[in-house]
Amino acid sequence: MLIQSEFDIQFRLSYPTAMVALLHLHPSLEADLQSGNHLFVEQIQEAGSGQITGEPMLIPSTEYHDSFGNRCTRFIAPAGTIRLKASAVTLDDGLPDQIAADAQQAPVENLPSEVLQFLLPSRYCEVDRFGAISNDLFGWASPGWSKAAAIRDWVHNKVAFNYQTARPTKTAMDVYTERIGVCRDFQHLAITLTRCQNIPARYVTGYLGDINRPYSGAGDFSAWYEVFLDGKWMTMDARHNDSRHGRVLMATGRDAADVAITTSFGDAYLSHFYVDSFEVDESGKKLPIPGMPELAPA
């Protein structure tokens, strides 16, 4: 299965501003990359109607890998309008998310040292406040996959999804109290409850398109999480709690604070946002999605 992922994000800035972006595909996907994955950082000129005039000017940028192994881009965005865009095609095995019912968790003393940080409290995951709550809810469950899946399912069933409730300061305790949120909120609560049961859990960002399922609306980046069982990371998703196809990994971290798609060290007004991820054939043609509206002929 070939998956094309793409985005076009634009900001307006009043003055030059330092920015960092985590918009490349994750380095672990290099072997599966068929084309693209080059981030274009451009300054664009707009007419009064918002139409782009003239050729965009490329903004110099540099890259580095952060402490979690994510590929990051840093640059100085000039005043005016900038555009971040990229497209990539990756080879996917076409299999749905793994269900590993027999997967076991390791005793904490046997976990790799680099994994231990994913048991600890972090910015949005207040593990230190959830010990008694998590034990009351899940202390009964068998260790390993069964316990991790029970936590995922509980969060999925107890939290309602609503874009209008999004806010950047919402923590796992807020989600537990309010029982409503967006993708990141589902994952933060599930991660926190999972860590309390001594199962390492980390936050993930990437693409999740409507592949092998009915069309559900405009594309977006998505969040899910991974648990460390049987000595490897396995996908969990408390928001989209079914076995999905075509996840495309971008970044991992302790929580959303570590993997923001863009960070601006100053004011940056988001003026345009387009994201999509879809299956293509070998010629690059987009494969149809059931229920997706057909575009009117030009």
C-alpha atoms as a PDB file:
ATOM      1  CA  MET A   1       0.000   0.000   0.000  1.00  0.00           C
ATOM      2  CA  LEU A   2       1.295   3.463  -0.961  1.00  0.00           C
ATOM      3  CA  ILE A   3       0.248   6.417   1.186  1.00  0.00           C
ATOM      4  CA  GLN A   4       0.678  10.044   0.213  1.00  0.00           C
ATOM      5  CA  SER A   5       0.757  12.559   3.078  1.00  0.00           C
ATOM      6  CA  GLU A   6       0.809  16.298   2.518  1.00  0.00           C
ATOM      7  CA  PHE A   7       0.188  19.645   4.139  1.00  0.00           C
ATOM      8  CA  ASP A   8       0.146  23.386   3.458  1.00  0.00           C
ATOM      9  CA  ILE A   9       0.222  25.560   6.590  1.00  0.00           C
ATOM     10  CA  GLN A  10       0.501  29.354   6.546  1.00  0.00           C
ATOM     11  CA  PHE A  11       1.175  31.929   9.248  1.00  0.00           C
ATOM     12  CA  ARG A  12       1.128  35.709   9.348  1.00  0.00           C
ATOM     13  CA  LEU A  13       3.782  37.399  11.482  1.00  0.00           C
ATOM     14  CA  SER A  14       4.125  41.020  12.548  1.00  0.00           C
ATOM     15  CA  TYR A  15       7.886  40.809  13.038  1.00  0.00           C
ATOM     16  CA  PRO A  16      10.728  38.318  12.468  1.00  0.00           C
ATOM     17  CA  THR A  17      10.209  35.309  14.731  1.00  0.00           C
ATOM     18  CA  ALA A  18      12.256  32.205  15.522  1.00  0.00           C
ATOM     19  CA  MET A  19      10.303  28.992  14.887  1.00  0.00           C
ATOM     20  CA  VAL A  20      10.804  25.232  15.191  1.00  0.00           C
ATOM     21  CA  ALA A  21       8.786  22.689  13.191  1.00  0.00           C
ATOM     22  CA  LEU A  22       8.351  18.918  13.632  1.00  0.00           C
ATOM     23  CA  LEU A  23       6.775  18.290  10.239  1.00  0.00           C
ATOM     24  CA  HIS A  24       9.032  15.699   8.640  1.00  0.00           C
ATOM     25  CA  LEU A  25       8.161  12.043   8.747  1.00  0.00           C
ATOM     26  CA  HIS A  26       9.871  10.163  11.558  1.00  0.00           C
ATOM     27  CA  PRO A  27      13.426   8.962  10.788  1.00  0.00           C
ATOM     28  CA  SER A  28      12.305   5.369  11.385  1.00  0.00           C
ATOM     29  CA  LEU A  29      10.316   5.580   8.121  1.00  0.00           C
ATOM     30  CA  GLU A  30      13.343   6.308   5.928  1.00  0.00           C
ATOM     31  CA  ALA A  31      13.419   2.756   4.559  1.00  0.00           C
ATOM     32  CA  ASP A  32       9.750   3.029   3.544  1.00  0.00           C
ATOM     33  CA  LEU A  33       9.997   6.490   1.991  1.00  0.00           C
ATOM     34  CA  GLN A  34       9.310   6.404  -1.754  1.00  0.00           C
ATOM     35  CA  SER A  35       9.494  10.126  -2.498  1.00  0.00           C
ATOM     36  CA  GLY A  36       9.298  13.600  -0.993  1.00  0.00           C
ATOM     37  CA  ASN A  37       9.575  14.438   2.716  1.00  0.00           C
ATOM     38  CA  HIS A  38      11.318  17.735   1.990  1.00  0.00           C
ATOM     39  CA  LEU A  39       9.989  20.621   4.063  1.00  0.00           C
ATOM     40  CA  PHE A  40       9.645  23.880   2.119  1.00  0.00           C
ATOM     41  CA  VAL A  41       9.702  26.996   4.298  1.00  0.00           C
ATOM     42  CA  GLU A  42       8.671  29.939   2.133  1.00  0.00           C
ATOM     43  CA  GLN A  43       7.812  33.607   2.359  1.00  0.00           C
ATOM     44  CA  ILE A  44       4.870  34.403   0.110  1.00  0.00           C
ATOM     45  CA  GLN A  45       3.378  37.625  -1.177  1.00  0.00           C
ATOM     46  CA  GLU A  46      -0.385  38.000  -1.116  1.00  0.00           C
ATOM     47  CA  ALA A  47      -2.792  40.341  -2.843  1.00  0.00           C
ATOM     48  CA  GLY A  48      -5.596  41.935  -0.855  1.00  0.00           C
ATOM     49  CA  SER A  49      -7.828  38.961  -1.683  1.00  0.00           C
ATOM     50  CA  GLY A  50      -5.355  36.547  -0.139  1.00  0.00           C
ATOM     51  CA  GLN A  51      -4.204  35.263  -3.537  1.00  0.00           C
ATOM     52  CA  ILE A  52      -0.489  34.511  -3.809  1.00  0.00           C
ATOM     53  CA  THR A  53       1.353  36.865  -6.161  1.00  0.00           C
ATOM     54  CA  GLY A  54       4.793  36.161  -7.599  1.00  0.00           C
ATOM     55  CA  GLU A  55       7.193  33.355  -6.754  1.00  0.00           C
ATOM     56  CA  PRO A  56       7.622  32.350  -3.100  1.00  0.00           C
ATOM     57  CA  MET A  57      11.015  33.051  -1.550  1.00  0.00           C
ATOM     58  CA  LEU A  58      12.720  30.139   0.206  1.00  0.00           C
ATOM     59  CA  ILE A  59      13.570  30.830   3.856  1.00  0.00           C
ATOM     60  CA  PRO A  60      16.876  29.328   5.078  1.00  0.00           C
ATOM     61  CA  SER A  61      16.493  26.582   7.670  1.00  0.00           C
ATOM     62  CA  THR A  62      18.587  24.052   9.532  1.00  0.00           C
ATOM     63  CA  GLU A  63      17.766  20.619  10.915  1.00  0.00           C
ATOM     64  CA  TYR A  64      18.560  18.684  14.067  1.00  0.00           C
ATOM     65  CA  HIS A  65      17.304  15.629  15.949  1.00  0.00           C
ATOM     66  CA  ASP A  66      15.835  16.226  19.383  1.00  0.00           C
ATOM     67  CA  SER A  67      16.348  14.043  22.467  1.00  0.00           C
ATOM     68  CA  PHE A  68      13.529  11.713  21.356  1.00  0.00           C
ATOM     69  CA  GLY A  69      15.004  11.158  17.882  1.00  0.00           C
ATOM     70  CA  ASN A  70      12.506  13.361  16.038  1.00  0.00           C
ATOM     71  CA  ARG A  71      13.641  15.335  12.980  1.00  0.00           C
ATOM     72  CA  CYS A  72      13.230  19.058  13.656  1.00  0.00           C
ATOM     73  CA  THR A  73      13.597  22.178  11.495  1.00  0.00           C
ATOM     74  CA  ARG A  74      14.476  25.611  12.851  1.00  0.00           C
ATOM     75  CA  PHE A  75      14.365  28.952  11.036  1.00  0.00           C
ATOM     76  CA  ILE A  76      13.734  32.676  11.399  1.00  0.00           C
ATOM     77  CA  ALA A  77      10.364  33.540   9.893  1.00  0.00           C
ATOM     78  CA  PRO A  78      10.341  37.080   8.451  1.00  0.00           C
ATOM     79  CA  ALA A  79       7.450  39.480   8.985  1.00  0.00           C
ATOM     80  CA  GLY A  80       4.563  38.851   6.610  1.00  0.00           C
ATOM     81  CA  THR A  81       3.135  35.522   5.445  1.00  0.00           C
ATOM     82  CA  ILE A  82       5.098  32.276   5.498  1.00  0.00           C
ATOM     83  CA  ARG A  83       4.133  28.864   4.192  1.00  0.00           C
ATOM     84  CA  LEU A  84       5.263  25.444   5.367  1.00  0.00           C
ATOM     85  CA  LYS A  85       4.514  22.672   2.911  1.00  0.00           C
ATOM     86  CA  ALA A  86       5.618  19.144   2.107  1.00  0.00           C
ATOM     87  CA  SER A  87       4.441  15.944   0.488  1.00  0.00           C
ATOM     88  CA  ALA A  88       5.716  12.396   0.886  1.00  0.00           C
ATOM     89  CA  VAL A  89       4.833   8.926  -0.352  1.00  0.00           C
ATOM     90  CA  THR A  90       5.548   5.985   1.933  1.00  0.00           C
ATOM     91  CA  LEU A  91       5.205   2.244   1.540  1.00  0.00           C
ATOM     92  CA  ASP A  92       2.876   0.713   4.136  1.00  0.00           C
ATOM     93  CA  ASP A  93       2.431  -2.993   4.822  1.00  0.00           C
ATOM     94  CA  GLY A  94      -1.340  -2.576   4.473  1.00  0.00           C
ATOM     95  CA  LEU A  95      -2.001  -4.287   7.785  1.00  0.00           C
ATOM     96  CA  PRO A  96      -4.287  -2.849  10.459  1.00  0.00           C
ATOM     97  CA  ASP A  97      -3.010  -1.912  13.918  1.00  0.00           C
ATOM     98  CA  GLN A  98      -1.591  -4.926  15.694  1.00  0.00           C
ATOM     99  CA  ILE A  99      -3.663  -6.706  18.331  1.00  0.00           C
ATOM    100  CA  ALA A 100      -1.216  -8.573  20.574  1.00  0.00           C
ATOM    101  CA  ALA A 101      -3.444 -10.101  23.218  1.00  0.00           C
ATOM    102  CA  ASP A 102      -0.583 -12.130  24.727  1.00  0.00           C
ATOM    103  CA  ALA A 103       1.925  -9.252  24.936  1.00  0.00           C
ATOM    104  CA  GLN A 104       3.542  -9.010  28.359  1.00  0.00           C
ATOM    105  CA  GLN A 105       4.866  -6.075  30.351  1.00  0.00           C
ATOM    106  CA  ALA A 106       8.316  -6.261  31.881  1.00  0.00           C
ATOM    107  CA  PRO A 107       9.015  -5.573  35.550  1.00  0.00           C
ATOM    108  CA  VAL A 108      10.237  -2.004  35.955  1.00  0.00           C
ATOM    109  CA  GLU A 109      13.688  -3.221  36.980  1.00  0.00           C
ATOM    110  CA  ASN A 110      14.049  -4.993  33.619  1.00  0.00           C
ATOM    111  CA  LEU A 111      12.990  -2.084  31.398  1.00  0.00           C
ATOM    112  CA  PRO A 112      15.616  -0.432  29.182  1.00  0.00           C
ATOM    113  CA  SER A 113      16.934   2.723  30.847  1.00  0.00           C
ATOM    114  CA  GLU A 114      15.788   4.952  27.966  1.00  0.00           C
ATOM    115  CA  VAL A 115      12.192   3.730  28.438  1.00  0.00           C
ATOM    116  CA  LEU A 116      11.912   4.658  32.131  1.00  0.00           C
ATOM    117  CA  GLN A 117      11.087   8.313  31.348  1.00  0.00           C
ATOM    118  CA  PHE A 118       7.794   7.121  29.863  1.00  0.00           C
ATOM    119  CA  LEU A 119       6.628   6.009  33.303  1.00  0.00           C
ATOM    120  CA  LEU A 120       7.113   9.438  34.869  1.00  0.00           C
ATOM    121  CA  PRO A 121       4.882  12.522  35.163  1.00  0.00           C
ATOM    122  CA  SER A 122       5.161  15.005  32.295  1.00  0.00           C
ATOM    123  CA  ARG A 123       3.627  18.362  31.352  1.00  0.00           C
ATOM    124  CA  TYR A 124       0.146  17.054  30.492  1.00  0.00           C
ATOM    125  CA  CYS A 125       0.304  13.630  32.142  1.00  0.00           C
ATOM    126  CA  GLU A 126       0.172  14.004  35.935  1.00  0.00           C
ATOM    127  CA  VAL A 127       1.046  10.453  36.887  1.00  0.00           C
ATOM    128  CA  ASP A 128       1.663  11.553  40.482  1.00  0.00           C
ATOM    129  CA  ARG A 129      -2.022  12.549  40.835  1.00  0.00           C
ATOM    130  CA  PHE A 130      -3.557   9.390  39.374  1.00  0.00           C
ATOM    131  CA  GLY A 131      -2.091   6.490  41.346  1.00  0.00           C
ATOM    132  CA  ALA A 132      -5.176   5.730  43.463  1.00  0.00           C
ATOM    133  CA  ILE A 133      -7.572   6.458  40.574  1.00  0.00           C
ATOM    134  CA  SER A 134      -5.753   4.126  38.213  1.00  0.00           C
ATOM    135  CA  ASN A 135      -5.527   1.337  40.786  1.00  0.00           C
ATOM    136  CA  ASP A 136      -9.227   1.610  41.608  1.00  0.00           C
ATOM    137  CA  LEU A 137     -10.163   1.409  37.931  1.00  0.00           C
ATOM    138  CA  PHE A 138      -7.616  -1.089  36.592  1.00  0.00           C
ATOM    139  CA  GLY A 139      -5.863  -2.819  39.454  1.00  0.00           C
ATOM    140  CA  TRP A 140      -7.977  -5.894  38.703  1.00  0.00           C
ATOM    141  CA  ALA A 141      -6.776  -6.308  35.121  1.00  0.00           C
ATOM    142  CA  SER A 142      -4.126  -8.837  34.093  1.00  0.00           C
ATOM    143  CA  PRO A 143      -0.723  -7.227  33.438  1.00  0.00           C
ATOM    144  CA  GLY A 144       0.309  -6.594  29.859  1.00  0.00           C
ATOM    145  CA  TRP A 145      -1.899  -6.097  26.808  1.00  0.00           C
ATOM    146  CA  SER A 146      -5.127  -6.832  28.676  1.00  0.00           C
ATOM    147  CA  LYS A 147      -4.529  -4.038  31.162  1.00  0.00           C
ATOM    148  CA  ALA A 148      -3.340  -1.575  28.496  1.00  0.00           C
ATOM    149  CA  ALA A 149      -6.375  -2.316  26.306  1.00  0.00           C
ATOM    150  CA  ALA A 150      -8.745  -1.985  29.264  1.00  0.00           C
ATOM    151  CA  ILE A 151      -7.401   1.511  29.919  1.00  0.00           C
ATOM    152  CA  ARG A 152      -7.680   2.483  26.259  1.00  0.00           C
ATOM    153  CA  ASP A 153     -11.255   1.215  26.041  1.00  0.00           C
ATOM    154  CA  TRP A 154     -12.301   2.946  29.264  1.00  0.00           C
ATOM    155  CA  VAL A 155     -11.006   6.331  28.086  1.00  0.00           C
ATOM    156  CA  HIS A 156     -12.653   5.883  24.688  1.00  0.00           C
ATOM    157  CA  ASN A 157     -16.004   5.123  26.315  1.00  0.00           C
ATOM    158  CA  LYS A 158     -15.888   7.761  29.057  1.00  0.00           C
ATOM    159  CA  VAL A 159     -14.587  10.807  27.124  1.00  0.00           C
ATOM    160  CA  ALA A 160     -16.645  12.580  24.434  1.00  0.00           C
ATOM    161  CA  PHE A 161     -14.990  14.147  21.383  1.00  0.00           C
ATOM    162  CA  ASN A 162     -15.606  17.842  20.670  1.00  0.00           C
ATOM    163  CA  TYR A 163     -13.300  20.182  18.714  1.00  0.00           C
ATOM    164  CA  GLN A 164     -14.810  23.185  20.482  1.00  0.00           C
ATOM    165  CA  THR A 165     -13.361  22.084  23.825  1.00  0.00           C
ATOM    166  CA  ALA A 166      -9.727  22.190  22.682  1.00  0.00           C
ATOM    167  CA  ARG A 167      -7.352  24.309  24.736  1.00  0.00           C
ATOM    168  CA  PRO A 168      -3.558  24.127  25.005  1.00  0.00           C
ATOM    169  CA  THR A 169      -3.492  23.972  28.809  1.00  0.00           C
ATOM    170  CA  LYS A 170      -5.801  20.956  29.271  1.00  0.00           C
ATOM    171  CA  THR A 171      -4.127  18.180  31.272  1.00  0.00           C
ATOM    172  CA  ALA A 172      -5.049  14.563  31.916  1.00  0.00           C
ATOM    173  CA  MET A 173      -6.725  15.552  35.187  1.00  0.00           C
ATOM    174  CA  ASP A 174      -8.805  18.152  33.338  1.00  0.00           C
ATOM    175  CA  VAL A 175      -9.906  15.486  30.851  1.00  0.00           C
ATOM    176  CA  TYR A 176     -10.730  13.039  33.642  1.00  0.00           C
ATOM    177  CA  THR A 177     -12.841  15.701  35.360  1.00  0.00           C
ATOM    178  CA  GLU A 178     -14.539  17.190  32.277  1.00  0.00           C
ATOM    179  CA  ARG A 179     -14.887  13.956  30.245  1.00  0.00           C
ATOM    180  CA  ILE A 180     -14.624  15.825  26.930  1.00  0.00           C
ATOM    181  CA  GLY A 181     -11.775  16.756  24.592  1.00  0.00           C
ATOM    182  CA  VAL A 182      -9.941  16.254  21.311  1.00  0.00           C
ATOM    183  CA  CYS A 183      -7.469  13.597  20.131  1.00  0.00           C
ATOM    184  CA  ARG A 184      -4.591  14.747  22.314  1.00  0.00           C
ATOM    185  CA  ASP A 185      -6.804  14.808  25.402  1.00  0.00           C
ATOM    186  CA  PHE A 186      -7.923  11.199  24.943  1.00  0.00           C
ATOM    187  CA  GLN A 187      -4.305  10.121  24.599  1.00  0.00           C
ATOM    188  CA  HIS A 188      -3.027  12.160  27.556  1.00  0.00           C
ATOM    189  CA  LEU A 189      -5.531  10.567  29.907  1.00  0.00           C
ATOM    190  CA  ALA A 190      -4.870   7.056  28.593  1.00  0.00           C
ATOM    191  CA  ILE A 191      -1.095   7.561  28.785  1.00  0.00           C
ATOM    192  CA  THR A 192      -1.328   8.778  32.373  1.00  0.00           C
ATOM    193  CA  LEU A 193      -3.493   5.889  33.573  1.00  0.00           C
ATOM    194  CA  THR A 194      -1.230   3.435  31.729  1.00  0.00           C
ATOM    195  CA  ARG A 195       1.965   4.773  33.279  1.00  0.00           C
ATOM    196  CA  CYS A 196       0.368   4.420  36.707  1.00  0.00           C
ATOM    197  CA  GLN A 197       0.155   0.668  36.016  1.00  0.00           C
ATOM    198  CA  ASN A 198       3.919   0.548  35.300  1.00  0.00           C
ATOM    199  CA  ILE A 199       3.417   0.174  31.546  1.00  0.00           C
ATOM    200  CA  PRO A 200       5.573   2.714  29.677  1.00  0.00           C
ATOM    201  CA  ALA A 201       3.480   4.892  27.357  1.00  0.00           C
ATOM    202  CA  ARG A 202       4.534   7.625  24.935  1.00  0.00           C
ATOM    203  CA  TYR A 203       2.641  10.209  22.894  1.00  0.00           C
ATOM    204  CA  VAL A 204       2.658  10.032  19.079  1.00  0.00           C
ATOM    205  CA  THR A 205       1.791  12.476  16.302  1.00  0.00           C
ATOM    206  CA  GLY A 206       1.317  11.662  12.641  1.00  0.00           C
ATOM    207  CA  TYR A 207      -1.178  11.263   9.824  1.00  0.00           C
ATOM    208  CA  LEU A 208      -4.276   9.072  10.032  1.00  0.00           C
ATOM    209  CA  GLY A 209      -6.361   9.281   6.873  1.00  0.00           C
ATOM    210  CA  ASP A 210      -9.614   7.572   5.938  1.00  0.00           C
ATOM    211  CA  ILE A 211      -7.924   4.539   4.435  1.00  0.00           C
ATOM    212  CA  ASN A 212     -10.081   1.429   3.954  1.00  0.00           C
ATOM    213  CA  ARG A 213     -12.979   3.168   5.699  1.00  0.00           C
ATOM    214  CA  PRO A 214     -15.728   5.715   4.865  1.00  0.00           C
ATOM    215  CA  TYR A 215     -14.830   9.363   4.425  1.00  0.00           C
ATOM    216  CA  SER A 216     -15.116  11.276   7.724  1.00  0.00           C
ATOM    217  CA  GLY A 217     -14.306  14.853   6.699  1.00  0.00           C
ATOM    218  CA  ALA A 218     -11.377  17.167   6.063  1.00  0.00           C
ATOM    219  CA  GLY A 219      -7.912  15.823   6.879  1.00  0.00           C
ATOM    220  CA  ASP A 220      -5.866  16.697   9.931  1.00  0.00           C
ATOM    221  CA  PHE A 221      -2.838  15.594  11.853  1.00  0.00           C
ATOM    222  CA  SER A 222      -3.698  13.008  14.481  1.00  0.00           C
ATOM    223  CA  ALA A 223      -2.470  11.904  17.891  1.00  0.00           C
ATOM    224  CA  TRP A 224      -2.269   8.405  19.309  1.00  0.00           C
ATOM    225  CA  TYR A 225       0.073   6.670  21.751  1.00  0.00           C
ATOM    226  CA  GLU A 226       2.273   3.625  22.098  1.00  0.00           C
ATOM    227  CA  VAL A 227       2.804   1.188  24.969  1.00  0.00           C
ATOM    228  CA  PHE A 228       6.007  -0.743  25.621  1.00  0.00           C
ATOM    229  CA  LEU A 229       5.204  -4.471  25.770  1.00  0.00           C
ATOM    230  CA  ASP A 230       7.218  -7.528  24.754  1.00  0.00           C
ATOM    231  CA  GLY A 231      10.258  -5.267  24.434  1.00  0.00           C
ATOM    232  CA  LYS A 232       8.811  -3.025  21.690  1.00  0.00           C
ATOM    233  CA  TRP A 233       6.422  -0.123  21.167  1.00  0.00           C
ATOM    234  CA  MET A 234       2.853  -1.017  20.165  1.00  0.00           C
ATOM    235  CA  THR A 235       0.118   1.290  18.868  1.00  0.00           C
ATOM    236  CA  MET A 236      -2.846   2.287  21.030  1.00  0.00           C
ATOM    237  CA  ASP A 237      -5.488   4.919  20.248  1.00  0.00           C
ATOM    238  CA  ALA A 238      -8.091   5.961  22.795  1.00  0.00           C
ATOM    239  CA  ARG A 239      -9.803   8.302  20.314  1.00  0.00           C
ATOM    240  CA  HIS A 240      -9.981   6.068  17.217  1.00  0.00           C
ATOM    241  CA  ASN A 241     -10.492   2.890  19.172  1.00  0.00           C
ATOM    242  CA  ASP A 242     -10.515   0.415  16.342  1.00  0.00           C
ATOM    243  CA  SER A 243      -7.815  -1.228  14.288  1.00  0.00           C
ATOM    244  CA  ARG A 244      -6.927   1.388  11.663  1.00  0.00           C
ATOM    245  CA  HIS A 245      -4.843   1.258   8.480  1.00  0.00           C
ATOM    246  CA  GLY A 246      -2.236   3.673   7.235  1.00  0.00           C
ATOM    247  CA  ARG A 247      -0.844   5.497  10.250  1.00  0.00           C
ATOM    248  CA  VAL A 248       2.165   7.590   9.187  1.00  0.00           C
ATOM    249  CA  LEU A 249       4.484   8.446  12.071  1.00  0.00           C
ATOM    250  CA  MET A 250       5.924  11.933  12.513  1.00  0.00           C
ATOM    251  CA  ALA A 251       7.133  12.298  16.105  1.00  0.00           C
ATOM    252  CA  THR A 252       7.098  10.732  19.571  1.00  0.00           C
ATOM    253  CA  GLY A 253       7.550  12.216  23.037  1.00  0.00           C
ATOM    254  CA  ARG A 254       6.343  12.196  26.620  1.00  0.00           C
ATOM    255  CA  ASP A 255       3.229  14.206  25.714  1.00  0.00           C
ATOM    256  CA  ALA A 256       2.050  16.910  23.301  1.00  0.00           C
ATOM    257  CA  ALA A 257       4.508  19.454  24.708  1.00  0.00           C
ATOM    258  CA  ASP A 258       7.393  17.472  23.187  1.00  0.00           C
ATOM    259  CA  VAL A 259       5.956  17.101  19.684  1.00  0.00           C
ATOM    260  CA  ALA A 260       4.195  20.335  18.727  1.00  0.00           C
ATOM    261  CA  ILE A 261       4.120  20.548  14.918  1.00  0.00           C
ATOM    262  CA  THR A 262       5.262  24.177  15.143  1.00  0.00           C
ATOM    263  CA  THR A 263       6.597  26.299  17.979  1.00  0.00           C
ATOM    264  CA  SER A 264       6.951  30.058  17.509  1.00  0.00           C
ATOM    265  CA  PHE A 265       8.987  32.189  19.893  1.00  0.00           C
ATOM    266  CA  GLY A 266       6.674  35.136  19.352  1.00  0.00           C
ATOM    267  CA  ASP A 267       3.246  35.804  17.849  1.00  0.00           C
ATOM    268  CA  ALA A 268       2.314  33.799  14.739  1.00  0.00           C
ATOM    269  CA  TYR A 269      -1.270  33.905  13.447  1.00  0.00           C
ATOM    270  CA  LEU A 270      -2.410  30.731  11.671  1.00  0.00           C
ATOM    271  CA  SER A 271      -4.040  31.862   8.420  1.00  0.00           C
ATOM    272  CA  HIS A 272      -4.315  28.646   6.371  1.00  0.00           C
ATOM    273  CA  PHE A 273      -4.319  24.960   7.316  1.00  0.00           C
ATOM    274  CA  TYR A 274      -4.561  22.002   4.936  1.00  0.00           C
ATOM    275  CA  VAL A 275      -3.565  18.426   5.772  1.00  0.00           C
ATOM    276  CA  ASP A 276      -4.409  15.144   4.069  1.00  0.00           C
ATOM    277  CA  SER A 277      -3.238  11.543   3.916  1.00  0.00           C
ATOM    278  CA  PHE A 278      -4.609   9.034   1.415  1.00  0.00           C
ATOM    279  CA  GLU A 279      -3.820   5.916  -0.542  1.00  0.00           C
ATOM    280  CA  VAL A 280      -2.416   6.239  -4.074  1.00  0.00           C
ATOM    281  CA  ASP A 281      -1.705   3.746  -6.826  1.00  0.00           C
ATOM    282  CA  GLU A 282       1.711   3.195  -8.400  1.00  0.00           C
ATOM    283  CA  SER A 283       1.131   6.079 -10.806  1.00  0.00           C
ATOM    284  CA  GLY A 284       0.434   8.433  -7.914  1.00  0.00           C
ATOM    285  CA  LYS A 285      -3.325   8.655  -8.550  1.00  0.00           C
ATOM    286  CA  LYS A 286      -5.467   9.073  -5.436  1.00  0.00           C
ATOM    287  CA  LEU A 287      -7.681   6.073  -4.797  1.00  0.00           C
ATOM    288  CA  PRO A 288     -11.366   6.806  -4.146  1.00  0.00           C
ATOM    289  CA  ILE A 289     -12.717   6.914  -0.582  1.00  0.00           C
ATOM    290  CA  PRO A 290     -16.300   5.676  -0.035  1.00  0.00           C
ATOM    291  CA  GLY A 291     -18.618   8.570   0.740  1.00  0.00           C
ATOM    292  CA  MET A 292     -16.180  11.305  -0.232  1.00  0.00           C
ATOM    293  CA  PRO A 293     -17.833  14.086  -2.259  1.00  0.00           C
ATOM    294  CA  GLU A 294     -16.713  14.303  -5.867  1.00  0.00           C
ATOM    295  CA  LEU A 295     -15.138  17.570  -6.938  1.00  0.00           C
ATOM    296  CA  ALA A 296     -17.184  19.535  -9.478  1.00  0.00           C
ATOM    297  CA  PRO A 297     -15.545  19.657 -12.932  1.00  0.00           C
ATOM    298  CA  ALA A 298     -13.577  22.835 -13.612  1.00  0.00           C
END
